[in-house]
Amino acid sequence: MKEFDLIARLKTTLPTHDSVLAGAGDDCAVLNLGLPHDLVLFKTDAVVEGVHFTADTPPEKIGRKALARCLSDIAAMAGTPTHAVVTLALPTTFETTRVEAIYAGLNALAREHSVAIVGGETTANPDRLLLSIAMLGTVPRNRQVLRSGAKAEDAIFVTGTLGGSLSGRHLDFEPRLAEARWLAEHFTIHAMIDLSDGLAGDLRHILEASGVGAELLSSAVPVSRAAKQLARDESSAKPPLLAALTDGEDFELLFTIASRSAVPLLDAWRAQFPDVKLSCVGKITTTPGLRLRDERGLREFNLRGYEHFDS
């Protein structure tokens, strides 16, 4: 069973109650805990040695990545992170200096975004290092952005460039917190997600949650220099466009907005974030599924992004 099949199966068994405005199946849970102006966001994520980083990854970057992944999910809801707890699972032969360096990287990013680290858990894990973050955040009432609001004829936008993240960017990405809050404050964003599993895979999460389909324009997909360089240097590397669609770990924002707002958005974005690329890569359709338009015409695109347990 693949990752998202397992998640879908388990979701049907989860208890809930009236405070849960959005639960499993979005980037964060959205909770109504009675705050007068804000809703509460709740998220957990983990990085595992051999999956998300290697044994020789600089430890500061391991800690930074662990926290940044949760920050990126808070961004996908247009929220502000506030507090986090850390679960650290270590082999019995761990080095104290390595653990301290992991926390140095984690703490530095937390201070940058005014996140308080308020506790956690340490445990033994004989096989490998695991670092899990649980994070709280807030979002103004009625300003949270879910995956489920995409509408037919919406324009599809993505920030930054995509593909080739394993060349190093997956350890150094900047969570798009300021950009997401600005989007939600100045425009009506219908649906949003962060790109952890690849454009093709994460766009499908929006399509499935919203009951719509999509058409992507291949020439509009912003392929990173890293993906192009890998294709030149390694014969076994993916073609750059395929890397941009399926590699994952880009941690950019993918969102939809009414097509009439596309040009005003692009103009305002260039003025507000001149150093961050924003690309309109396609449109939402009523026909289910994901299609790619290129020089050969329009065709179904059936490949997905990264999935755990995919053999």
C-alpha atoms as a PDB file:
ATOM      1  CA  MET A   1       0.000   0.000   0.000  1.00  0.00           C
ATOM      2  CA  LYS A   2       1.332   3.454  -0.946  1.00  0.00           C
ATOM      3  CA  GLU A   3       1.569   6.403   1.421  1.00  0.00           C
ATOM      4  CA  PHE A   4      -1.537   8.314   0.384  1.00  0.00           C
ATOM      5  CA  ASP A   5      -3.660   5.177   0.109  1.00  0.00           C
ATOM      6  CA  LEU A   6      -2.731   4.371   3.702  1.00  0.00           C
ATOM      7  CA  ILE A   7      -3.505   7.919   4.844  1.00  0.00           C
ATOM      8  CA  ALA A   8      -6.907   7.840   3.136  1.00  0.00           C
ATOM      9  CA  ARG A   9      -7.703   4.530   4.805  1.00  0.00           C
ATOM     10  CA  LEU A  10      -6.684   5.688   8.280  1.00  0.00           C
ATOM     11  CA  LYS A  11      -8.462   9.058   8.021  1.00  0.00           C
ATOM     12  CA  THR A  12     -11.874   7.390   8.080  1.00  0.00           C
ATOM     13  CA  THR A  13     -11.237   6.060  11.606  1.00  0.00           C
ATOM     14  CA  LEU A  14     -10.096   9.288  13.286  1.00  0.00           C
ATOM     15  CA  PRO A  15     -12.249  10.814  16.060  1.00  0.00           C
ATOM     16  CA  THR A  16     -13.071  14.510  15.845  1.00  0.00           C
ATOM     17  CA  HIS A  17     -15.298  17.171  17.393  1.00  0.00           C
ATOM     18  CA  ASP A  18     -16.758  20.609  16.762  1.00  0.00           C
ATOM     19  CA  SER A  19     -13.538  22.546  17.350  1.00  0.00           C
ATOM     20  CA  VAL A  20     -11.928  20.945  14.273  1.00  0.00           C
ATOM     21  CA  LEU A  21     -12.562  23.123  11.227  1.00  0.00           C
ATOM     22  CA  ALA A  22     -10.075  21.187   9.090  1.00  0.00           C
ATOM     23  CA  GLY A  23      -8.415  17.969  10.180  1.00  0.00           C
ATOM     24  CA  ALA A  24      -6.333  15.282   8.514  1.00  0.00           C
ATOM     25  CA  GLY A  25      -5.974  15.881   4.788  1.00  0.00           C
ATOM     26  CA  ASP A  26      -4.696  19.447   4.696  1.00  0.00           C
ATOM     27  CA  ASP A  27      -1.301  21.008   5.387  1.00  0.00           C
ATOM     28  CA  CYS A  28      -2.311  21.794   8.977  1.00  0.00           C
ATOM     29  CA  ALA A  29      -5.249  21.130  11.223  1.00  0.00           C
ATOM     30  CA  VAL A  30      -7.372  24.272  11.706  1.00  0.00           C
ATOM     31  CA  LEU A  31      -8.848  24.532  15.197  1.00  0.00           C
ATOM     32  CA  ASN A  32     -11.397  26.892  16.725  1.00  0.00           C
ATOM     33  CA  LEU A  33     -10.218  27.163  20.346  1.00  0.00           C
ATOM     34  CA  GLY A  34     -12.255  30.248  21.188  1.00  0.00           C
ATOM     35  CA  LEU A  35      -9.667  32.941  20.480  1.00  0.00           C
ATOM     36  CA  PRO A  36     -11.505  36.149  19.560  1.00  0.00           C
ATOM     37  CA  HIS A  37      -9.625  36.964  16.366  1.00  0.00           C
ATOM     38  CA  ASP A  38      -7.569  33.908  15.402  1.00  0.00           C
ATOM     39  CA  LEU A  39      -7.859  30.236  14.608  1.00  0.00           C
ATOM     40  CA  VAL A  40      -5.144  27.828  15.736  1.00  0.00           C
ATOM     41  CA  LEU A  41      -3.023  25.812  13.299  1.00  0.00           C
ATOM     42  CA  PHE A  42      -1.503  22.488  14.384  1.00  0.00           C
ATOM     43  CA  LYS A  43       1.073  20.499  12.421  1.00  0.00           C
ATOM     44  CA  THR A  44       3.610  17.712  12.878  1.00  0.00           C
ATOM     45  CA  ASP A  45       6.376  16.537  10.560  1.00  0.00           C
ATOM     46  CA  ALA A  46       9.462  14.342  10.813  1.00  0.00           C
ATOM     47  CA  VAL A  47      12.826  13.934   9.118  1.00  0.00           C
ATOM     48  CA  VAL A  48      14.492  10.523   9.095  1.00  0.00           C
ATOM     49  CA  GLU A  49      18.130   9.664   8.442  1.00  0.00           C
ATOM     50  CA  GLY A  50      18.427   7.860   5.117  1.00  0.00           C
ATOM     51  CA  VAL A  51      15.142   9.341   3.856  1.00  0.00           C
ATOM     52  CA  HIS A  52      15.316  13.129   4.325  1.00  0.00           C
ATOM     53  CA  PHE A  53      19.048  13.500   4.969  1.00  0.00           C
ATOM     54  CA  THR A  54      22.174  11.364   5.000  1.00  0.00           C
ATOM     55  CA  ALA A  55      24.574  10.403   7.769  1.00  0.00           C
ATOM     56  CA  ASP A  56      27.097  12.979   6.538  1.00  0.00           C
ATOM     57  CA  THR A  57      24.626  15.896   6.265  1.00  0.00           C
ATOM     58  CA  PRO A  58      25.868  18.848   8.358  1.00  0.00           C
ATOM     59  CA  PRO A  59      23.930  18.569  11.618  1.00  0.00           C
ATOM     60  CA  GLU A  60      22.912  22.244  11.698  1.00  0.00           C
ATOM     61  CA  LYS A  61      21.143  21.684   8.384  1.00  0.00           C
ATOM     62  CA  ILE A  62      19.292  18.646   9.738  1.00  0.00           C
ATOM     63  CA  GLY A  63      17.799  20.733  12.539  1.00  0.00           C
ATOM     64  CA  ARG A  64      17.027  23.614  10.223  1.00  0.00           C
ATOM     65  CA  LYS A  65      15.251  21.378   7.718  1.00  0.00           C
ATOM     66  CA  ALA A  66      13.158  19.678  10.391  1.00  0.00           C
ATOM     67  CA  LEU A  67      11.725  22.982  11.579  1.00  0.00           C
ATOM     68  CA  ALA A  68      11.508  24.537   8.110  1.00  0.00           C
ATOM     69  CA  ARG A  69       9.247  21.749   6.867  1.00  0.00           C
ATOM     70  CA  CYS A  70       6.652  22.617   9.527  1.00  0.00           C
ATOM     71  CA  LEU A  71       7.057  26.329   8.829  1.00  0.00           C
ATOM     72  CA  SER A  72       6.328  25.652   5.167  1.00  0.00           C
ATOM     73  CA  ASP A  73       3.074  23.895   6.107  1.00  0.00           C
ATOM     74  CA  ILE A  74       2.049  26.847   8.281  1.00  0.00           C
ATOM     75  CA  ALA A  75       2.782  29.069   5.271  1.00  0.00           C
ATOM     76  CA  ALA A  76       0.509  26.937   3.094  1.00  0.00           C
ATOM     77  CA  MET A  77      -2.394  27.930   5.382  1.00  0.00           C
ATOM     78  CA  ALA A  78      -1.337  31.629   5.304  1.00  0.00           C
ATOM     79  CA  GLY A  79      -0.560  31.428   9.020  1.00  0.00           C
ATOM     80  CA  THR A  80       2.029  32.578  11.550  1.00  0.00           C
ATOM     81  CA  PRO A  81       4.011  29.976  13.553  1.00  0.00           C
ATOM     82  CA  THR A  82       4.181  30.426  17.312  1.00  0.00           C
ATOM     83  CA  HIS A  83       5.326  27.362  19.314  1.00  0.00           C
ATOM     84  CA  ALA A  84       6.944  23.971  18.725  1.00  0.00           C
ATOM     85  CA  VAL A  85       7.924  20.817  20.583  1.00  0.00           C
ATOM     86  CA  VAL A  86      10.666  18.457  19.409  1.00  0.00           C
ATOM     87  CA  THR A  87      10.862  14.669  19.505  1.00  0.00           C
ATOM     88  CA  LEU A  88      14.406  13.393  19.080  1.00  0.00           C
ATOM     89  CA  ALA A  89      15.047   9.672  18.526  1.00  0.00           C
ATOM     90  CA  LEU A  90      18.704   8.654  18.670  1.00  0.00           C
ATOM     91  CA  PRO A  91      20.857   5.550  18.268  1.00  0.00           C
ATOM     92  CA  THR A  92      22.559   4.552  21.503  1.00  0.00           C
ATOM     93  CA  THR A  93      25.941   5.498  19.970  1.00  0.00           C
ATOM     94  CA  PHE A  94      24.960   9.143  19.369  1.00  0.00           C
ATOM     95  CA  GLU A  95      27.507  11.942  19.619  1.00  0.00           C
ATOM     96  CA  THR A  96      26.527  14.765  21.985  1.00  0.00           C
ATOM     97  CA  THR A  97      28.231  17.414  19.836  1.00  0.00           C
ATOM     98  CA  ARG A  98      26.193  16.316  16.792  1.00  0.00           C
ATOM     99  CA  VAL A  99      22.925  16.618  18.729  1.00  0.00           C
ATOM    100  CA  GLU A 100      23.904  20.065  20.001  1.00  0.00           C
ATOM    101  CA  ALA A 101      24.686  21.165  16.437  1.00  0.00           C
ATOM    102  CA  ILE A 102      21.286  19.864  15.228  1.00  0.00           C
ATOM    103  CA  TYR A 103      19.625  21.994  17.883  1.00  0.00           C
ATOM    104  CA  ALA A 104      21.767  24.983  16.931  1.00  0.00           C
ATOM    105  CA  GLY A 105      20.385  24.867  13.389  1.00  0.00           C
ATOM    106  CA  LEU A 106      16.840  24.330  14.631  1.00  0.00           C
ATOM    107  CA  ASN A 107      17.062  27.118  17.220  1.00  0.00           C
ATOM    108  CA  ALA A 108      18.515  29.644  14.790  1.00  0.00           C
ATOM    109  CA  LEU A 109      15.594  29.257  12.378  1.00  0.00           C
ATOM    110  CA  ALA A 110      13.098  29.294  15.261  1.00  0.00           C
ATOM    111  CA  ARG A 111      14.494  32.622  16.490  1.00  0.00           C
ATOM    112  CA  GLU A 112      14.349  34.029  12.955  1.00  0.00           C
ATOM    113  CA  HIS A 113      10.587  33.371  12.863  1.00  0.00           C
ATOM    114  CA  SER A 114       9.855  34.070  16.567  1.00  0.00           C
ATOM    115  CA  VAL A 115       8.960  30.448  17.286  1.00  0.00           C
ATOM    116  CA  ALA A 116       9.289  29.342  20.916  1.00  0.00           C
ATOM    117  CA  ILE A 117      10.613  25.797  21.421  1.00  0.00           C
ATOM    118  CA  VAL A 118       8.669  24.749  24.503  1.00  0.00           C
ATOM    119  CA  GLY A 119       9.595  21.127  25.143  1.00  0.00           C
ATOM    120  CA  GLY A 120       9.578  17.702  23.561  1.00  0.00           C
ATOM    121  CA  GLU A 121      10.771  14.137  24.022  1.00  0.00           C
ATOM    122  CA  THR A 122      13.973  12.153  23.645  1.00  0.00           C
ATOM    123  CA  THR A 123      14.023   8.428  23.034  1.00  0.00           C
ATOM    124  CA  ALA A 124      16.271   5.658  21.778  1.00  0.00           C
ATOM    125  CA  ASN A 125      15.966   4.485  18.172  1.00  0.00           C
ATOM    126  CA  PRO A 126      18.547   1.764  17.494  1.00  0.00           C
ATOM    127  CA  ASP A 127      18.552   2.060  13.720  1.00  0.00           C
ATOM    128  CA  ARG A 128      18.903   5.763  12.861  1.00  0.00           C
ATOM    129  CA  LEU A 129      18.286   9.365  13.894  1.00  0.00           C
ATOM    130  CA  LEU A 130      14.757  10.744  13.685  1.00  0.00           C
ATOM    131  CA  LEU A 131      13.683  14.317  14.431  1.00  0.00           C
ATOM    132  CA  SER A 132       9.977  15.172  14.655  1.00  0.00           C
ATOM    133  CA  ILE A 133       8.486  18.640  15.146  1.00  0.00           C
ATOM    134  CA  ALA A 134       4.969  19.442  16.322  1.00  0.00           C
ATOM    135  CA  MET A 135       4.081  23.101  15.720  1.00  0.00           C
ATOM    136  CA  LEU A 136       1.315  25.519  16.645  1.00  0.00           C
ATOM    137  CA  GLY A 137       0.453  28.666  14.754  1.00  0.00           C
ATOM    138  CA  THR A 138      -2.356  31.125  14.240  1.00  0.00           C
ATOM    139  CA  VAL A 139      -4.264  32.544  11.304  1.00  0.00           C
ATOM    140  CA  PRO A 140      -6.853  35.354  11.352  1.00  0.00           C
ATOM    141  CA  ARG A 141     -10.403  34.062  11.292  1.00  0.00           C
ATOM    142  CA  ASN A 142     -11.728  33.630   7.742  1.00  0.00           C
ATOM    143  CA  ARG A 143      -8.261  34.068   6.245  1.00  0.00           C
ATOM    144  CA  GLN A 144      -7.093  30.439   6.392  1.00  0.00           C
ATOM    145  CA  VAL A 145      -6.488  28.879   2.972  1.00  0.00           C
ATOM    146  CA  LEU A 146      -7.339  25.196   2.492  1.00  0.00           C
ATOM    147  CA  ARG A 147      -6.662  22.741  -0.320  1.00  0.00           C
ATOM    148  CA  SER A 148     -10.348  22.340  -1.067  1.00  0.00           C
ATOM    149  CA  GLY A 149     -11.349  25.684  -2.587  1.00  0.00           C
ATOM    150  CA  ALA A 150     -10.049  25.519  -6.175  1.00  0.00           C
ATOM    151  CA  LYS A 151     -12.647  26.495  -8.797  1.00  0.00           C
ATOM    152  CA  ALA A 152     -12.955  25.815 -12.511  1.00  0.00           C
ATOM    153  CA  GLU A 153     -11.103  28.411 -14.618  1.00  0.00           C
ATOM    154  CA  ASP A 154      -8.845  29.416 -11.711  1.00  0.00           C
ATOM    155  CA  ALA A 155      -5.292  30.279 -12.665  1.00  0.00           C
ATOM    156  CA  ILE A 156      -2.640  28.035 -11.081  1.00  0.00           C
ATOM    157  CA  PHE A 157       0.455  29.774  -9.702  1.00  0.00           C
ATOM    158  CA  VAL A 158       3.712  28.540  -8.215  1.00  0.00           C
ATOM    159  CA  THR A 159       6.492  30.466  -6.473  1.00  0.00           C
ATOM    160  CA  GLY A 160      10.201  29.972  -7.126  1.00  0.00           C
ATOM    161  CA  THR A 161      11.704  27.316  -9.382  1.00  0.00           C
ATOM    162  CA  LEU A 162      11.262  23.561  -9.195  1.00  0.00           C
ATOM    163  CA  GLY A 163      13.253  20.346  -9.445  1.00  0.00           C
ATOM    164  CA  GLY A 164      16.725  19.200  -8.489  1.00  0.00           C
ATOM    165  CA  SER A 165      16.294  19.995  -4.800  1.00  0.00           C
ATOM    166  CA  LEU A 166      18.548  17.108  -3.730  1.00  0.00           C
ATOM    167  CA  SER A 167      21.493  19.096  -5.097  1.00  0.00           C
ATOM    168  CA  GLY A 168      21.288  20.988  -1.811  1.00  0.00           C
ATOM    169  CA  ARG A 169      18.269  23.253  -1.743  1.00  0.00           C
ATOM    170  CA  HIS A 170      16.155  20.764   0.239  1.00  0.00           C
ATOM    171  CA  LEU A 171      18.381  21.658   3.212  1.00  0.00           C
ATOM    172  CA  ASP A 172      18.435  25.421   2.706  1.00  0.00           C
ATOM    173  CA  PHE A 173      14.985  26.459   1.435  1.00  0.00           C
ATOM    174  CA  GLU A 174      13.200  29.508   2.821  1.00  0.00           C
ATOM    175  CA  PRO A 175       9.626  28.829   4.001  1.00  0.00           C
ATOM    176  CA  ARG A 176       7.325  31.239   2.159  1.00  0.00           C
ATOM    177  CA  LEU A 177       5.620  32.580   5.286  1.00  0.00           C
ATOM    178  CA  ALA A 178       5.689  36.292   4.443  1.00  0.00           C
ATOM    179  CA  GLU A 179       4.639  35.651   0.860  1.00  0.00           C
ATOM    180  CA  ALA A 180       1.674  33.500   1.878  1.00  0.00           C
ATOM    181  CA  ARG A 181       0.394  35.978   4.462  1.00  0.00           C
ATOM    182  CA  TRP A 182       0.687  38.787   1.924  1.00  0.00           C
ATOM    183  CA  LEU A 183      -1.255  36.745  -0.638  1.00  0.00           C
ATOM    184  CA  ALA A 184      -4.096  36.040   1.782  1.00  0.00           C
ATOM    185  CA  GLU A 185      -4.225  39.669   2.920  1.00  0.00           C
ATOM    186  CA  HIS A 186      -4.347  41.229  -0.563  1.00  0.00           C
ATOM    187  CA  PHE A 187      -6.053  38.603  -2.754  1.00  0.00           C
ATOM    188  CA  THR A 188      -8.708  35.909  -2.501  1.00  0.00           C
ATOM    189  CA  ILE A 189      -6.687  32.696  -2.731  1.00  0.00           C
ATOM    190  CA  HIS A 190      -8.994  29.766  -3.419  1.00  0.00           C
ATOM    191  CA  ALA A 191      -6.638  26.874  -2.558  1.00  0.00           C
ATOM    192  CA  MET A 192      -3.002  26.523  -1.519  1.00  0.00           C
ATOM    193  CA  ILE A 193      -0.443  23.849  -0.645  1.00  0.00           C
ATOM    194  CA  ASP A 194       3.308  23.718  -0.178  1.00  0.00           C
ATOM    195  CA  LEU A 195       5.344  21.640  -2.632  1.00  0.00           C
ATOM    196  CA  SER A 196       6.892  18.828  -0.635  1.00  0.00           C
ATOM    197  CA  ASP A 197       6.120  15.910  -2.960  1.00  0.00           C
ATOM    198  CA  GLY A 198       6.439  17.546  -6.401  1.00  0.00           C
ATOM    199  CA  LEU A 199       4.183  19.784  -8.483  1.00  0.00           C
ATOM    200  CA  ALA A 200       2.302  16.875 -10.080  1.00  0.00           C
ATOM    201  CA  GLY A 201       1.720  15.106  -6.782  1.00  0.00           C
ATOM    202  CA  ASP A 202       0.776  18.116  -4.675  1.00  0.00           C
ATOM    203  CA  LEU A 203      -1.454  19.647  -7.347  1.00  0.00           C
ATOM    204  CA  ARG A 204      -3.386  16.385  -7.317  1.00  0.00           C
ATOM    205  CA  HIS A 205      -4.048  16.872  -3.599  1.00  0.00           C
ATOM    206  CA  ILE A 206      -5.747  20.185  -4.436  1.00  0.00           C
ATOM    207  CA  LEU A 207      -7.669  18.618  -7.336  1.00  0.00           C
ATOM    208  CA  GLU A 208      -8.928  15.716  -5.236  1.00  0.00           C
ATOM    209  CA  ALA A 209      -9.896  17.939  -2.310  1.00  0.00           C
ATOM    210  CA  SER A 210     -11.669  20.421  -4.597  1.00  0.00           C
ATOM    211  CA  GLY A 211     -13.327  17.947  -6.995  1.00  0.00           C
ATOM    212  CA  VAL A 212     -11.780  19.491 -10.113  1.00  0.00           C
ATOM    213  CA  GLY A 213      -9.057  18.824 -12.709  1.00  0.00           C
ATOM    214  CA  ALA A 214      -6.174  20.834 -14.116  1.00  0.00           C
ATOM    215  CA  GLU A 215      -4.205  21.608 -17.251  1.00  0.00           C
ATOM    216  CA  LEU A 216      -0.535  22.559 -16.993  1.00  0.00           C
ATOM    217  CA  LEU A 217       1.432  24.354 -19.709  1.00  0.00           C
ATOM    218  CA  SER A 218       4.842  22.668 -19.930  1.00  0.00           C
ATOM    219  CA  SER A 219       6.635  25.781 -21.178  1.00  0.00           C
ATOM    220  CA  ALA A 220       5.392  27.772 -18.160  1.00  0.00           C
ATOM    221  CA  VAL A 221       6.682  25.396 -15.459  1.00  0.00           C
ATOM    222  CA  PRO A 222       9.671  27.147 -13.797  1.00  0.00           C
ATOM    223  CA  VAL A 223      12.486  24.591 -13.966  1.00  0.00           C
ATOM    224  CA  SER A 224      15.414  25.211 -11.611  1.00  0.00           C
ATOM    225  CA  ARG A 225      19.019  25.586 -12.700  1.00  0.00           C
ATOM    226  CA  ALA A 226      19.857  22.587 -10.519  1.00  0.00           C
ATOM    227  CA  ALA A 227      17.482  20.331 -12.444  1.00  0.00           C
ATOM    228  CA  LYS A 228      18.925  21.510 -15.757  1.00  0.00           C
ATOM    229  CA  GLN A 229      22.484  21.050 -14.522  1.00  0.00           C
ATOM    230  CA  LEU A 230      21.789  17.524 -13.293  1.00  0.00           C
ATOM    231  CA  ALA A 231      20.352  16.609 -16.692  1.00  0.00           C
ATOM    232  CA  ARG A 232      23.542  17.874 -18.361  1.00  0.00           C
ATOM    233  CA  ASP A 233      25.921  16.180 -15.923  1.00  0.00           C
ATOM    234  CA  GLU A 234      24.269  12.827 -15.262  1.00  0.00           C
ATOM    235  CA  SER A 235      22.938  10.555 -18.001  1.00  0.00           C
ATOM    236  CA  SER A 236      20.619   8.857 -15.491  1.00  0.00           C
ATOM    237  CA  ALA A 237      19.055  12.137 -14.294  1.00  0.00           C
ATOM    238  CA  LYS A 238      15.448  12.986 -15.083  1.00  0.00           C
ATOM    239  CA  PRO A 239      14.694  15.393 -17.938  1.00  0.00           C
ATOM    240  CA  PRO A 240      14.430  18.874 -16.366  1.00  0.00           C
ATOM    241  CA  LEU A 241      10.662  19.253 -16.858  1.00  0.00           C
ATOM    242  CA  LEU A 242       9.985  15.838 -15.357  1.00  0.00           C
ATOM    243  CA  ALA A 243      12.207  16.730 -12.394  1.00  0.00           C
ATOM    244  CA  ALA A 244      10.251  19.947 -11.856  1.00  0.00           C
ATOM    245  CA  LEU A 245       6.986  18.002 -11.910  1.00  0.00           C
ATOM    246  CA  THR A 246       7.949  15.048  -9.723  1.00  0.00           C
ATOM    247  CA  ASP A 247      11.145  15.551  -7.671  1.00  0.00           C
ATOM    248  CA  GLY A 248       9.624  17.038  -4.522  1.00  0.00           C
ATOM    249  CA  GLU A 249      11.208  18.882  -1.575  1.00  0.00           C
ATOM    250  CA  ASP A 250      10.934  22.265  -3.326  1.00  0.00           C
ATOM    251  CA  PHE A 251       8.821  23.742  -0.497  1.00  0.00           C
ATOM    252  CA  GLU A 252       7.417  26.469  -2.721  1.00  0.00           C
ATOM    253  CA  LEU A 253       3.783  27.629  -2.662  1.00  0.00           C
ATOM    254  CA  LEU A 254       1.257  26.277  -5.170  1.00  0.00           C
ATOM    255  CA  PHE A 255      -2.072  28.096  -5.220  1.00  0.00           C
ATOM    256  CA  THR A 256      -5.115  28.929  -7.331  1.00  0.00           C
ATOM    257  CA  ILE A 257      -6.835  32.253  -7.830  1.00  0.00           C
ATOM    258  CA  ALA A 258      -9.616  33.598 -10.065  1.00  0.00           C
ATOM    259  CA  SER A 259      -8.231  34.161 -13.564  1.00  0.00           C
ATOM    260  CA  ARG A 260      -9.359  37.806 -13.557  1.00  0.00           C
ATOM    261  CA  SER A 261      -6.929  38.430 -10.684  1.00  0.00           C
ATOM    262  CA  ALA A 262      -3.913  36.872 -12.412  1.00  0.00           C
ATOM    263  CA  VAL A 263      -2.483  40.017 -14.021  1.00  0.00           C
ATOM    264  CA  PRO A 264      -3.043  42.292 -10.988  1.00  0.00           C
ATOM    265  CA  LEU A 265      -1.417  39.621  -8.830  1.00  0.00           C
ATOM    266  CA  LEU A 266       1.665  39.367 -11.040  1.00  0.00           C
ATOM    267  CA  ASP A 267       2.080  43.157 -11.101  1.00  0.00           C
ATOM    268  CA  ALA A 268       1.691  43.483  -7.327  1.00  0.00           C
ATOM    269  CA  TRP A 269       3.970  40.507  -6.661  1.00  0.00           C
ATOM    270  CA  ARG A 270       6.851  41.939  -8.702  1.00  0.00           C
ATOM    271  CA  ALA A 271       6.684  45.121  -6.658  1.00  0.00           C
ATOM    272  CA  GLN A 272       6.431  43.312  -3.304  1.00  0.00           C
ATOM    273  CA  PHE A 273       8.781  40.328  -3.866  1.00  0.00           C
ATOM    274  CA  PRO A 274      11.162  41.239  -6.699  1.00  0.00           C
ATOM    275  CA  ASP A 275      13.589  38.438  -5.788  1.00  0.00           C
ATOM    276  CA  VAL A 276      11.014  35.615  -5.762  1.00  0.00           C
ATOM    277  CA  LYS A 277       9.800  34.279  -9.090  1.00  0.00           C
ATOM    278  CA  LEU A 278       6.040  33.795  -9.535  1.00  0.00           C
ATOM    279  CA  SER A 279       4.731  31.774 -12.485  1.00  0.00           C
ATOM    280  CA  CYS A 280       1.248  31.066 -13.827  1.00  0.00           C
ATOM    281  CA  VAL A 281       1.586  27.418 -14.873  1.00  0.00           C
ATOM    282  CA  GLY A 282      -1.922  26.422 -15.904  1.00  0.00           C
ATOM    283  CA  LYS A 283      -5.620  26.465 -15.116  1.00  0.00           C
ATOM    284  CA  ILE A 284      -8.220  24.521 -13.165  1.00  0.00           C
ATOM    285  CA  THR A 285     -10.755  22.606 -15.276  1.00  0.00           C
ATOM    286  CA  THR A 286     -14.063  20.855 -14.690  1.00  0.00           C
ATOM    287  CA  THR A 287     -12.709  17.667 -16.287  1.00  0.00           C
ATOM    288  CA  PRO A 288     -11.102  15.488 -13.595  1.00  0.00           C
ATOM    289  CA  GLY A 289      -7.441  14.496 -13.789  1.00  0.00           C
ATOM    290  CA  LEU A 290      -4.197  16.246 -14.646  1.00  0.00           C
ATOM    291  CA  ARG A 291      -3.198  17.048 -18.226  1.00  0.00           C
ATOM    292  CA  LEU A 292      -0.045  18.570 -19.688  1.00  0.00           C
ATOM    293  CA  ARG A 293      -0.025  20.797 -22.764  1.00  0.00           C
ATOM    294  CA  ASP A 294       3.190  20.907 -24.800  1.00  0.00           C
ATOM    295  CA  GLU A 295       4.261  21.100 -28.441  1.00  0.00           C
ATOM    296  CA  ARG A 296       2.570  17.733 -29.061  1.00  0.00           C
ATOM    297  CA  GLY A 297      -0.782  18.962 -27.783  1.00  0.00           C
ATOM    298  CA  LEU A 298      -2.764  18.095 -24.654  1.00  0.00           C
ATOM    299  CA  ARG A 299      -2.192  14.713 -22.983  1.00  0.00           C
ATOM    300  CA  GLU A 300      -2.864  12.991 -19.694  1.00  0.00           C
ATOM    301  CA  PHE A 301      -0.044  13.222 -17.148  1.00  0.00           C
ATOM    302  CA  ASN A 302      -0.229  10.169 -14.923  1.00  0.00           C
ATOM    303  CA  LEU A 303       3.069  10.362 -13.038  1.00  0.00           C
ATOM    304  CA  ARG A 304       2.886  11.537  -9.459  1.00  0.00           C
ATOM    305  CA  GLY A 305       5.419  13.080  -7.129  1.00  0.00           C
ATOM    306  CA  TYR A 306       7.313  11.405  -4.305  1.00  0.00           C
ATOM    307  CA  GLU A 307       5.466   8.878  -2.127  1.00  0.00           C
ATOM    308  CA  HIS A 308       6.785   6.952   0.862  1.00  0.00           C
ATOM    309  CA  PHE A 309       6.410   3.172   0.508  1.00  0.00           C
ATOM    310  CA  ASP A 310       6.429   3.487  -3.314  1.00  0.00           C
ATOM    311  CA  SER A 311       8.297   0.421  -4.576  1.00  0.00           C
END
